[in-house]
C-alpha atoms as a PDB file:
ATOM      1  CA  MET A   1     -46.833 -67.530-128.981  1.00  0.00           C
ATOM      2  CA  ASP A   2     -49.530 -69.280-127.230  1.00  0.00           C
ATOM      3  CA  ARG A   3     -49.092 -72.423-125.982  1.00  0.00           C
ATOM      4  CA  LEU A   4     -48.912 -75.429-128.848  1.00  0.00           C
ATOM      5  CA  PRO A   5     -48.942 -78.523-127.611  1.00  0.00           C
ATOM      6  CA  ASN A   6     -46.006 -80.881-129.295  1.00  0.00           C
ATOM      7  CA  PRO A   7     -46.277 -81.416-133.153  1.00  0.00           C
ATOM      8  CA  ALA A   8     -45.884 -85.013-132.817  1.00  0.00           C
ATOM      9  CA  TRP A   9     -48.452 -85.502-130.194  1.00  0.00           C
ATOM     10  CA  LEU A  10     -50.689 -83.699-132.712  1.00  0.00           C
ATOM     11  CA  ARG A  11     -49.965 -85.709-135.708  1.00  0.00           C
ATOM     12  CA  SER A  12     -50.871 -88.672-133.966  1.00  0.00           C
ATOM     13  CA  PHE A  13     -53.822 -87.693-132.402  1.00  0.00           C
ATOM     14  CA  GLU A  14     -55.052 -86.642-135.803  1.00  0.00           C
ATOM     15  CA  ALA A  15     -54.192 -90.333-137.281  1.00  0.00           C
ATOM     16  CA  ALA A  16     -55.821 -92.034-134.572  1.00  0.00           C
ATOM     17  CA  ALA A  17     -59.067 -90.281-135.100  1.00  0.00           C
ATOM     18  CA  ARG A  18     -59.600 -90.297-138.731  1.00  0.00           C
ATOM     19  CA  HIS A  19     -58.766 -94.441-138.058  1.00  0.00           C
ATOM     20  CA  LEU A  20     -60.483 -94.810-134.882  1.00  0.00           C
ATOM     21  CA  ASN A  21     -57.490 -97.205-134.687  1.00  0.00           C
ATOM     22  CA  PHE A  22     -54.363 -96.565-132.566  1.00  0.00           C
ATOM     23  CA  THR A  23     -52.628-100.019-134.693  1.00  0.00           C
ATOM     24  CA  THR A  24     -53.675 -98.255-138.112  1.00  0.00           C
ATOM     25  CA  ALA A  25     -52.508 -94.518-137.029  1.00  0.00           C
ATOM     26  CA  ALA A  26     -49.258 -96.382-136.389  1.00  0.00           C
ATOM     27  CA  GLN A  27     -48.787 -98.216-139.226  1.00  0.00           C
ATOM     28  CA  GLU A  28     -49.497 -94.813-141.466  1.00  0.00           C
ATOM     29  CA  LEU A  29     -47.146 -92.769-139.302  1.00  0.00           C
ATOM     30  CA  GLY A  30     -44.392 -95.578-139.504  1.00  0.00           C
ATOM     31  CA  LEU A  31     -44.227 -95.562-135.622  1.00  0.00           C
ATOM     32  CA  THR A  32     -45.401 -97.954-132.933  1.00  0.00           C
ATOM     33  CA  GLN A  33     -48.613 -98.737-131.378  1.00  0.00           C
ATOM     34  CA  THR A  34     -47.040 -98.046-127.989  1.00  0.00           C
ATOM     35  CA  ALA A  35     -45.379 -94.999-129.375  1.00  0.00           C
ATOM     36  CA  VAL A  36     -49.259 -93.416-130.580  1.00  0.00           C
ATOM     37  CA  SER A  37     -50.967 -94.168-127.598  1.00  0.00           C
ATOM     38  CA  LEU A  38     -48.219 -92.362-125.140  1.00  0.00           C
ATOM     39  CA  HIS A  39     -48.702 -89.611-127.696  1.00  0.00           C
ATOM     40  CA  ILE A  40     -52.331 -89.421-126.977  1.00  0.00           C
ATOM     41  CA  ARG A  41     -51.616 -89.705-123.154  1.00  0.00           C
ATOM     42  CA  SER A  42     -49.175 -86.846-123.358  1.00  0.00           C
ATOM     43  CA  LEU A  43     -51.361 -84.906-124.863  1.00  0.00           C
ATOM     44  CA  GLU A  44     -54.603 -85.912-122.945  1.00  0.00           C
ATOM     45  CA  ALA A  45     -52.455 -84.711-119.826  1.00  0.00           C
ATOM     46  CA  ASP A  46     -51.072 -81.389-121.624  1.00  0.00           C
ATOM     47  CA  LEU A  47     -54.756 -80.495-122.336  1.00  0.00           C
ATOM     48  CA  GLY A  48     -56.091 -81.845-119.459  1.00  0.00           C
ATOM     49  CA  GLN A  49     -59.270 -83.287-121.171  1.00  0.00           C
ATOM     50  CA  PRO A  50     -59.611 -86.772-122.372  1.00  0.00           C
ATOM     51  CA  LEU A  51     -59.821 -86.659-126.347  1.00  0.00           C
ATOM     52  CA  PHE A  52     -60.867 -90.533-126.632  1.00  0.00           C
ATOM     53  CA  ALA A  53     -63.307 -92.592-124.816  1.00  0.00           C
ATOM     54  CA  ARG A  54     -61.572 -96.119-124.166  1.00  0.00           C
ATOM     55  CA  ASN A  55     -64.040 -99.038-124.485  1.00  0.00           C
ATOM     56  CA  ALA A  56     -62.771-102.633-124.303  1.00  0.00           C
ATOM     57  CA  ARG A  57     -63.038-103.526-128.436  1.00  0.00           C
ATOM     58  CA  HIS A  58     -64.343-100.179-129.643  1.00  0.00           C
ATOM     59  CA  LEU A  59     -62.047 -96.029-129.928  1.00  0.00           C
ATOM     60  CA  SER A  60     -64.318 -93.587-130.169  1.00  0.00           C
ATOM     61  CA  LEU A  61     -63.689 -89.214-129.713  1.00  0.00           C
ATOM     62  CA  THR A  62     -65.674 -87.363-126.738  1.00  0.00           C
ATOM     63  CA  GLU A  63     -67.605 -84.414-127.987  1.00  0.00           C
ATOM     64  CA  LEU A  64     -63.762 -81.971-126.966  1.00  0.00           C
ATOM     65  CA  GLY A  65     -62.287 -84.651-129.333  1.00  0.00           C
ATOM     66  CA  GLN A  66     -63.891 -84.481-132.220  1.00  0.00           C
ATOM     67  CA  SER A  67     -63.860 -80.526-132.402  1.00  0.00           C
ATOM     68  CA  TYR A  68     -60.351 -80.643-131.997  1.00  0.00           C
ATOM     69  CA  ALA A  69     -59.496 -83.252-134.639  1.00  0.00           C
ATOM     70  CA  LEU A  70     -61.214 -80.820-137.236  1.00  0.00           C
ATOM     71  CA  THR A  71     -59.060 -78.178-135.676  1.00  0.00           C
ATOM     72  CA  VAL A  72     -55.872 -80.149-136.365  1.00  0.00           C
ATOM     73  CA  ARG A  73     -56.693 -81.623-139.507  1.00  0.00           C
ATOM     74  CA  ARG A  74     -57.437 -78.317-140.906  1.00  0.00           C
ATOM     75  CA  ALA A  75     -54.199 -76.913-139.483  1.00  0.00           C
ATOM     76  CA  LEU A  76     -52.094 -79.708-140.614  1.00  0.00           C
ATOM     77  CA  SER A  77     -53.539 -79.578-144.180  1.00  0.00           C
ATOM     78  CA  ASP A  78     -52.723 -76.215-144.662  1.00  0.00           C
ATOM     79  CA  ILE A  79     -49.021 -76.917-144.008  1.00  0.00           C
ATOM     80  CA  ALA A  80     -49.019 -79.483-145.655  1.00  0.00           C
ATOM     81  CA  LEU A  81     -50.770 -77.690-149.059  1.00  0.00           C
ATOM     82  CA  SER A  82     -47.834 -74.584-148.573  1.00  0.00           C
ATOM     83  CA  THR A  83     -45.032 -76.700-147.606  1.00  0.00           C
ATOM     84  CA  ASN A  84     -45.769 -78.801-151.401  1.00  0.00           C
ATOM     85  CA  SER A  85     -46.492 -75.280-153.287  1.00  0.00           C
ATOM     86  CA  LEU A  86     -43.066 -73.763-151.858  1.00  0.00           C
ATOM     87  CA  PHE A  87     -41.109 -76.329-151.761  1.00  0.00           C
ATOM     88  CA  GLY A  88     -42.608 -79.054-153.414  1.00  0.00           C
ATOM     89  CA  PRO A  89     -41.737 -80.760-156.940  1.00  0.00           C
ATOM     90  CA  ALA A  90     -43.255 -78.227-158.705  1.00  0.00           C
ATOM     91  CA  SER A  91     -42.105 -75.186-157.051  1.00  0.00           C
ATOM     92  CA  ARG A  92     -38.597 -76.615-157.836  1.00  0.00           C
ATOM     93  CA  GLN A  93     -38.908 -76.378-161.383  1.00  0.00           C
ATOM     94  CA  ALA A  94     -40.780 -72.415-161.118  1.00  0.00           C
ATOM     95  CA  LEU A  95     -39.769 -69.956-162.926  1.00  0.00           C
ATOM     96  CA  THR A  96     -38.553 -66.986-161.064  1.00  0.00           C
ATOM     97  CA  ILE A  97     -38.764 -63.554-163.744  1.00  0.00           C
ATOM     98  CA  ARG A  98     -37.810 -60.400-162.210  1.00  0.00           C
ATOM     99  CA  ALA A  99     -38.965 -56.541-164.120  1.00  0.00           C
ATOM    100  CA  ALA A 100     -40.003 -53.600-163.459  1.00  0.00           C
ATOM    101  CA  ILE A 101     -43.605 -52.906-162.474  1.00  0.00           C
ATOM    102  CA  SER A 102     -44.127 -51.102-165.645  1.00  0.00           C
ATOM    103  CA  THR A 103     -41.953 -53.671-167.991  1.00  0.00           C
ATOM    104  CA  MET A 104     -43.783 -56.544-166.023  1.00  0.00           C
ATOM    105  CA  THR A 105     -47.504 -55.119-166.499  1.00  0.00           C
ATOM    106  CA  TYR A 106     -47.362 -54.330-170.182  1.00  0.00           C
ATOM    107  CA  TRP A 107     -44.829 -56.821-171.755  1.00  0.00           C
ATOM    108  CA  ILE A 108     -43.964 -59.909-169.987  1.00  0.00           C
ATOM    109  CA  ALA A 109     -47.188 -60.717-167.907  1.00  0.00           C
ATOM    110  CA  ALA A 110     -49.034 -59.172-171.626  1.00  0.00           C
ATOM    111  CA  GLU A 111     -46.900 -61.737-172.914  1.00  0.00           C
ATOM    112  CA  LEU A 112     -46.904 -64.916-170.750  1.00  0.00           C
ATOM    113  CA  PRO A 113     -49.886 -66.775-171.449  1.00  0.00           C
ATOM    114  CA  ALA A 114     -48.074 -67.487-174.674  1.00  0.00           C
ATOM    115  CA  PHE A 115     -45.172 -68.963-173.083  1.00  0.00           C
ATOM    116  CA  SER A 116     -47.190 -71.162-171.050  1.00  0.00           C
ATOM    117  CA  ALA A 117     -49.834 -72.487-173.652  1.00  0.00           C
ATOM    118  CA  GLN A 118     -46.279 -73.516-174.538  1.00  0.00           C
ATOM    119  CA  HIS A 119     -44.781 -74.925-171.325  1.00  0.00           C
ATOM    120  CA  PRO A 120     -47.988 -75.934-169.581  1.00  0.00           C
ATOM    121  CA  GLU A 121     -45.667 -78.089-167.353  1.00  0.00           C
ATOM    122  CA  ILE A 122     -43.291 -74.661-165.954  1.00  0.00           C
ATOM    123  CA  PRO A 123     -44.920 -72.595-163.178  1.00  0.00           C
ATOM    124  CA  VAL A 124     -44.082 -69.135-163.122  1.00  0.00           C
ATOM    125  CA  ARG A 125     -43.644 -66.781-160.641  1.00  0.00           C
ATOM    126  CA  LEU A 126     -43.375 -62.582-161.305  1.00  0.00           C
ATOM    127  CA  VAL A 127     -41.277 -60.714-158.686  1.00  0.00           C
ATOM    128  CA  SER A 128     -41.936 -56.595-159.341  1.00  0.00           C
ATOM    129  CA  HIS A 129     -39.785 -53.618-158.633  1.00  0.00           C
ATOM    130  CA  ILE A 130     -40.245 -49.898-159.679  1.00  0.00           C
ATOM    131  CA  TRP A 131     -36.576 -48.840-159.111  1.00  0.00           C
ATOM    132  CA  ASN A 132     -33.439 -50.608-161.048  1.00  0.00           C
ATOM    133  CA  ASP A 133     -31.336 -50.735-157.810  1.00  0.00           C
ATOM    134  CA  SER A 134     -33.881 -53.143-155.576  1.00  0.00           C
ATOM    135  CA  ALA A 135     -31.754 -55.586-154.317  1.00  0.00           C
ATOM    136  CA  ALA A 136     -32.536 -58.715-156.194  1.00  0.00           C
ATOM    137  CA  PRO A 137     -34.053 -61.792-154.681  1.00  0.00           C
ATOM    138  CA  ALA A 138     -31.210 -64.878-154.377  1.00  0.00           C
ATOM    139  CA  ASP A 139     -33.439 -66.764-156.479  1.00  0.00           C
ATOM    140  CA  VAL A 140     -34.654 -65.179-159.497  1.00  0.00           C
ATOM    141  CA  ASP A 141     -34.286 -67.521-162.368  1.00  0.00           C
ATOM    142  CA  VAL A 142     -35.015 -64.546-165.243  1.00  0.00           C
ATOM    143  CA  GLU A 143     -34.209 -60.605-164.400  1.00  0.00           C
ATOM    144  CA  ILE A 144     -34.815 -57.895-167.355  1.00  0.00           C
ATOM    145  CA  ARG A 145     -33.950 -54.634-166.881  1.00  0.00           C
ATOM    146  CA  LEU A 146     -34.512 -51.265-168.378  1.00  0.00           C
ATOM    147  CA  GLY A 147     -31.424 -48.641-169.172  1.00  0.00           C
ATOM    148  CA  TYR A 148     -28.182 -48.378-170.629  1.00  0.00           C
ATOM    149  CA  GLY A 149     -26.323 -51.740-170.017  1.00  0.00           C
ATOM    150  CA  ASP A 150     -23.973 -50.652-167.361  1.00  0.00           C
ATOM    151  CA  TRP A 151     -24.846 -51.911-164.299  1.00  0.00           C
ATOM    152  CA  PRO A 152     -21.640 -52.885-161.692  1.00  0.00           C
ATOM    153  CA  GLY A 153     -21.512 -56.212-160.876  1.00  0.00           C
ATOM    154  CA  VAL A 154     -23.791 -57.621-163.649  1.00  0.00           C
ATOM    155  CA  ALA A 155     -23.467 -58.884-167.273  1.00  0.00           C
ATOM    156  CA  ALA A 156     -26.441 -57.273-169.198  1.00  0.00           C
ATOM    157  CA  ASP A 157     -27.301 -59.303-172.792  1.00  0.00           C
ATOM    158  CA  ARG A 158     -29.589 -56.588-175.066  1.00  0.00           C
ATOM    159  CA  LEU A 159     -32.655 -57.506-175.901  1.00  0.00           C
ATOM    160  CA  CYS A 160     -34.164 -55.259-177.586  1.00  0.00           C
ATOM    161  CA  SER A 161     -34.835 -51.825-178.728  1.00  0.00           C
ATOM    162  CA  GLU A 162     -37.231 -49.528-177.296  1.00  0.00           C
ATOM    163  CA  ARG A 163     -39.267 -46.757-178.949  1.00  0.00           C
ATOM    164  CA  LEU A 164     -41.142 -43.556-177.830  1.00  0.00           C
ATOM    165  CA  VAL A 165     -44.432 -42.430-178.269  1.00  0.00           C
ATOM    166  CA  PRO A 166     -46.964 -40.334-176.867  1.00  0.00           C
ATOM    167  CA  ILE A 167     -50.644 -41.700-175.727  1.00  0.00           C
ATOM    168  CA  CYS A 168     -53.907 -39.788-174.956  1.00  0.00           C
ATOM    169  CA  ARG A 169     -57.380 -40.866-174.191  1.00  0.00           C
ATOM    170  CA  ALA A 170     -58.669 -43.217-176.831  1.00  0.00           C
ATOM    171  CA  GLN A 171     -61.373 -40.178-177.110  1.00  0.00           C
ATOM    172  CA  ASP A 172     -59.639 -37.607-178.097  1.00  0.00           C
ATOM    173  CA  PRO A 173     -59.538 -37.042-181.379  1.00  0.00           C
ATOM    174  CA  ALA A 174     -56.702 -34.399-182.513  1.00  0.00           C
ATOM    175  CA  PRO A 175     -54.508 -34.035-179.305  1.00  0.00           C
ATOM    176  CA  ASP A 176     -52.423 -30.693-178.967  1.00  0.00           C
ATOM    177  CA  LEU A 177     -49.315 -32.145-177.137  1.00  0.00           C
ATOM    178  CA  ARG A 178     -47.990 -29.211-176.908  1.00  0.00           C
ATOM    179  CA  ASN A 179     -50.694 -27.126-175.586  1.00  0.00           C
ATOM    180  CA  GLY A 180     -52.253 -30.041-173.492  1.00  0.00           C
ATOM    181  CA  PRO A 181     -51.482 -31.105-169.840  1.00  0.00           C
ATOM    182  CA  LEU A 182     -48.257 -33.213-169.926  1.00  0.00           C
ATOM    183  CA  ILE A 183     -47.514 -36.250-168.023  1.00  0.00           C
ATOM    184  CA  HIS A 184     -43.766 -36.517-166.702  1.00  0.00           C
ATOM    185  CA  ILE A 185     -42.867 -39.893-164.957  1.00  0.00           C
ATOM    186  CA  LEU A 186     -40.180 -40.159-162.877  1.00  0.00           C
ATOM    187  CA  GLY A 187     -36.703 -40.420-163.812  1.00  0.00           C
ATOM    188  CA  TYR A 188     -37.653 -40.149-167.320  1.00  0.00           C
ATOM    189  CA  GLU A 189     -38.809 -36.233-166.869  1.00  0.00           C
ATOM    190  CA  ASP A 190     -36.788 -35.430-170.205  1.00  0.00           C
ATOM    191  CA  ASN A 191     -39.086 -37.838-172.241  1.00  0.00           C
ATOM    192  CA  TRP A 192     -41.362 -34.688-173.689  1.00  0.00           C
ATOM    193  CA  ALA A 193     -37.911 -32.443-174.352  1.00  0.00           C
ATOM    194  CA  ARG A 194     -37.053 -35.307-176.631  1.00  0.00           C
ATOM    195  CA  TYR A 195     -40.183 -36.064-178.050  1.00  0.00           C
ATOM    196  CA  PHE A 196     -40.651 -32.458-179.004  1.00  0.00           C
ATOM    197  CA  GLU A 197     -37.026 -31.746-179.899  1.00  0.00           C
ATOM    198  CA  ALA A 198     -36.696 -35.046-182.052  1.00  0.00           C
ATOM    199  CA  THR A 199     -40.749 -34.329-184.177  1.00  0.00           C
ATOM    200  CA  ASP A 200     -39.431 -30.951-184.325  1.00  0.00           C
ATOM    201  CA  THR A 201     -42.022 -29.436-182.191  1.00  0.00           C
ATOM    202  CA  ASP A 202     -41.055 -25.922-179.825  1.00  0.00           C
ATOM    203  CA  LEU A 203     -40.752 -27.348-176.077  1.00  0.00           C
ATOM    204  CA  PRO A 204     -43.795 -25.896-174.020  1.00  0.00           C
ATOM    205  CA  ASP A 205     -42.504 -23.285-171.391  1.00  0.00           C
ATOM    206  CA  ARG A 206     -44.476 -24.415-168.515  1.00  0.00           C
ATOM    207  CA  PRO A 207     -43.954 -27.464-165.984  1.00  0.00           C
ATOM    208  CA  ALA A 208     -46.074 -30.712-166.026  1.00  0.00           C
ATOM    209  CA  ARG A 209     -48.992 -30.910-164.584  1.00  0.00           C
ATOM    210  CA  HIS A 210     -49.043 -34.358-162.919  1.00  0.00           C
ATOM    211  CA  SER A 211     -46.007 -36.702-162.337  1.00  0.00           C
ATOM    212  CA  ALA A 212     -45.840 -40.375-161.573  1.00  0.00           C
ATOM    213  CA  ASP A 213     -43.470 -42.694-160.176  1.00  0.00           C
ATOM    214  CA  THR A 214     -44.695 -45.318-162.761  1.00  0.00           C
ATOM    215  CA  THR A 215     -45.471 -46.013-166.795  1.00  0.00           C
ATOM    216  CA  VAL A 216     -48.526 -47.847-164.651  1.00  0.00           C
ATOM    217  CA  THR A 217     -49.218 -45.145-163.029  1.00  0.00           C
ATOM    218  CA  ALA A 218     -49.190 -42.473-165.952  1.00  0.00           C
ATOM    219  CA  LEU A 219     -51.719 -44.865-168.181  1.00  0.00           C
ATOM    220  CA  GLN A 220     -54.007 -44.784-165.823  1.00  0.00           C
ATOM    221  CA  LEU A 221     -53.746 -40.713-165.424  1.00  0.00           C
ATOM    222  CA  VAL A 222     -53.772 -40.745-169.230  1.00  0.00           C
ATOM    223  CA  MET A 223     -57.064 -42.598-168.743  1.00  0.00           C
ATOM    224  CA  ALA A 224     -58.831 -40.270-166.334  1.00  0.00           C
ATOM    225  CA  GLY A 225     -58.181 -37.374-169.021  1.00  0.00           C
ATOM    226  CA  ALA A 226     -55.216 -35.890-166.725  1.00  0.00           C
ATOM    227  CA  GLY A 227     -53.165 -35.530-169.599  1.00  0.00           C
ATOM    228  CA  TYR A 228     -50.988 -37.029-172.049  1.00  0.00           C
ATOM    229  CA  ALA A 229     -47.420 -39.241-171.343  1.00  0.00           C
ATOM    230  CA  THR A 230     -44.781 -40.364-173.184  1.00  0.00           C
ATOM    231  CA  VAL A 231     -44.164 -44.363-172.658  1.00  0.00           C
ATOM    232  CA  LEU A 232     -42.773 -47.215-174.541  1.00  0.00           C
ATOM    233  CA  GLU A 233     -44.523 -47.690-177.762  1.00  0.00           C
ATOM    234  CA  ARG A 234     -44.376 -51.332-176.789  1.00  0.00           C
ATOM    235  CA  PHE A 235     -46.233 -50.817-173.820  1.00  0.00           C
ATOM    236  CA  ALA A 236     -48.383 -48.718-175.482  1.00  0.00           C
ATOM    237  CA  LEU A 237     -49.369 -51.320-178.175  1.00  0.00           C
ATOM    238  CA  ASN A 238     -49.855 -54.310-175.328  1.00  0.00           C
ATOM    239  CA  ALA A 239     -51.983 -51.809-173.451  1.00  0.00           C
ATOM    240  CA  ILE A 240     -54.208 -51.413-176.065  1.00  0.00           C
ATOM    241  CA  ALA A 241     -54.701 -55.151-176.875  1.00  0.00           C
ATOM    242  CA  GLN A 242     -55.315 -55.860-173.472  1.00  0.00           C
ATOM    243  CA  GLY A 243     -58.092 -53.233-174.067  1.00  0.00           C
ATOM    244  CA  ALA A 244     -56.719 -50.178-172.097  1.00  0.00           C
ATOM    245  CA  PRO A 245     -59.034 -46.640-173.966  1.00  0.00           C
ATOM    246  CA  ILE A 246     -55.727 -45.116-174.819  1.00  0.00           C
ATOM    247  CA  ARG A 247     -54.006 -44.541-177.993  1.00  0.00           C
ATOM    248  CA  ILE A 248     -51.248 -43.354-179.634  1.00  0.00           C
ATOM    249  CA  ALA A 249     -50.876 -39.945-180.435  1.00  0.00           C
ATOM    250  CA  GLY A 250     -47.833 -39.209-182.611  1.00  0.00           C
ATOM    251  CA  PRO A 251     -44.448 -40.744-184.880  1.00  0.00           C
ATOM    252  CA  ALA A 252     -42.785 -43.216-182.569  1.00  0.00           C
ATOM    253  CA  ILE A 253     -38.829 -41.978-181.773  1.00  0.00           C
ATOM    254  CA  PRO A 254     -35.875 -44.147-180.946  1.00  0.00           C
ATOM    255  CA  PHE A 255     -35.536 -44.730-177.497  1.00  0.00           C
ATOM    256  CA  ALA A 256     -32.146 -44.157-176.060  1.00  0.00           C
ATOM    257  CA  GLN A 257     -32.225 -47.126-173.042  1.00  0.00           C
ATOM    258  CA  SER A 258     -32.870 -51.021-173.901  1.00  0.00           C
ATOM    259  CA  HIS A 259     -34.518 -53.950-172.645  1.00  0.00           C
ATOM    260  CA  TYR A 260     -31.385 -56.092-171.035  1.00  0.00           C
ATOM    261  CA  LEU A 261     -31.254 -59.414-169.700  1.00  0.00           C
ATOM    262  CA  ILE A 262     -29.378 -59.567-166.483  1.00  0.00           C
ATOM    263  CA  ARG A 263     -27.203 -62.150-164.639  1.00  0.00           C
ATOM    264  CA  SER A 264     -24.688 -62.093-161.932  1.00  0.00           C
ATOM    265  CA  VAL A 265     -21.492 -62.561-163.076  1.00  0.00           C
ATOM    266  CA  SER A 266     -20.558 -65.154-160.510  1.00  0.00           C
ATOM    267  CA  ALA A 267     -24.370 -67.116-161.198  1.00  0.00           C
ATOM    268  CA  ALA A 268     -24.731 -70.778-162.076  1.00  0.00           C
ATOM    269  CA  PRO A 269     -25.956 -71.791-165.533  1.00  0.00           C
ATOM    270  CA  PRO A 270     -29.500 -70.929-166.224  1.00  0.00           C
ATOM    271  CA  SER A 271     -31.965 -73.363-165.217  1.00  0.00           C
ATOM    272  CA  ILE A 272     -34.045 -75.532-168.050  1.00  0.00           C
ATOM    273  CA  PRO A 273     -36.976 -73.364-167.363  1.00  0.00           C
ATOM    274  CA  ALA A 274     -35.290 -70.325-167.234  1.00  0.00           C
ATOM    275  CA  GLN A 275     -33.031 -71.634-170.954  1.00  0.00           C
ATOM    276  CA  LEU A 276     -36.521 -72.536-172.173  1.00  0.00           C
ATOM    277  CA  PHE A 277     -38.231 -69.178-171.797  1.00  0.00           C
ATOM    278  CA  LEU A 278     -34.894 -66.746-172.876  1.00  0.00           C
ATOM    279  CA  ALA A 279     -35.012 -69.267-175.990  1.00  0.00           C
ATOM    280  CA  TRP A 280     -39.136 -68.566-176.413  1.00  0.00           C
ATOM    281  CA  LEU A 281     -38.706 -64.786-175.827  1.00  0.00           C
ATOM    282  CA  ARG A 282     -35.813 -64.156-177.891  1.00  0.00           C
ATOM    283  CA  ASP A 283     -38.045 -66.083-180.810  1.00  0.00           C
ATOM    284  CA  ARG A 284     -40.930 -63.532-179.971  1.00  0.00           C
ATOM    285  CA  LEU A 285     -38.594 -60.434-180.351  1.00  0.00           C
ATOM    286  CA  ALA A 286     -37.340 -62.033-183.497  1.00  0.00           C
ATOM    287  CA  GLY A 287     -40.723 -62.442-185.194  1.00  0.00           C
ATOM    288  CA  ASP A 288     -41.714 -58.435-183.683  1.00  0.00           C
ATOM    289  CA  ALA A 289     -38.672 -56.924-185.369  1.00  0.00           C
ATOM    290  CA  ALA A 290     -39.246 -59.172-188.513  1.00  0.00           C
ATOM    291  CA  ASP A 291     -43.171 -57.496-188.859  1.00  0.00           C
END
């Protein structure tokens, strides 16, 4: 790192430059006037240039001092802003939610405005990942996973069951799922086989035209006209509600995996924001089931 003056000296300089008075600056900082004066002299000696013009009854900044004061004030302000944002009282009450990127994009993020409308006092931080075995951050309040609920080392509480649907572009009038280009999602390559079996359709004897590692990418491929994909009905409905130019192209079938709330067996009790979010989410899911 390049040479950086003592931060205490910079803090005293910024206050003195703002007030143009060492005594007032000292009172603001909780220091003595002598300490502030010593800080300023030490900073000037370190820089090799005077920062203040000291007259009998008046203190003023030199031209270099004026320029430097702006830079130091901006830097200290940035540090204060970052500190308050990351470590201040609001951050300690923030809610951090972790989920796969597709779950986050086409479920949690789509539903979140309704939660925030009820709890505007709770800031929310969303953390996405691609694979379930990715290491979870230590400060995650709520983690949601799609799977069978059999992950080692964690307790899994089922939130909701899911259904699978095929999707096509909104402008496709009569998609031929069996003969059209199919898109596979990595890790769920058997979804098309399961869908055709459940709908009494012969499985096409050809490889998929495209593969994607997330539902997000698969939906983009569908929208671009690259083919048809199978996705969770929940994701498809939320994507359509958000304006995605896709439509559901066939009946829904049960999906073997579910969404689970994940927590470490040794984790502390959920924070108040986490409890409020989970209560709201379960009410939301109960309402969806009733509909």
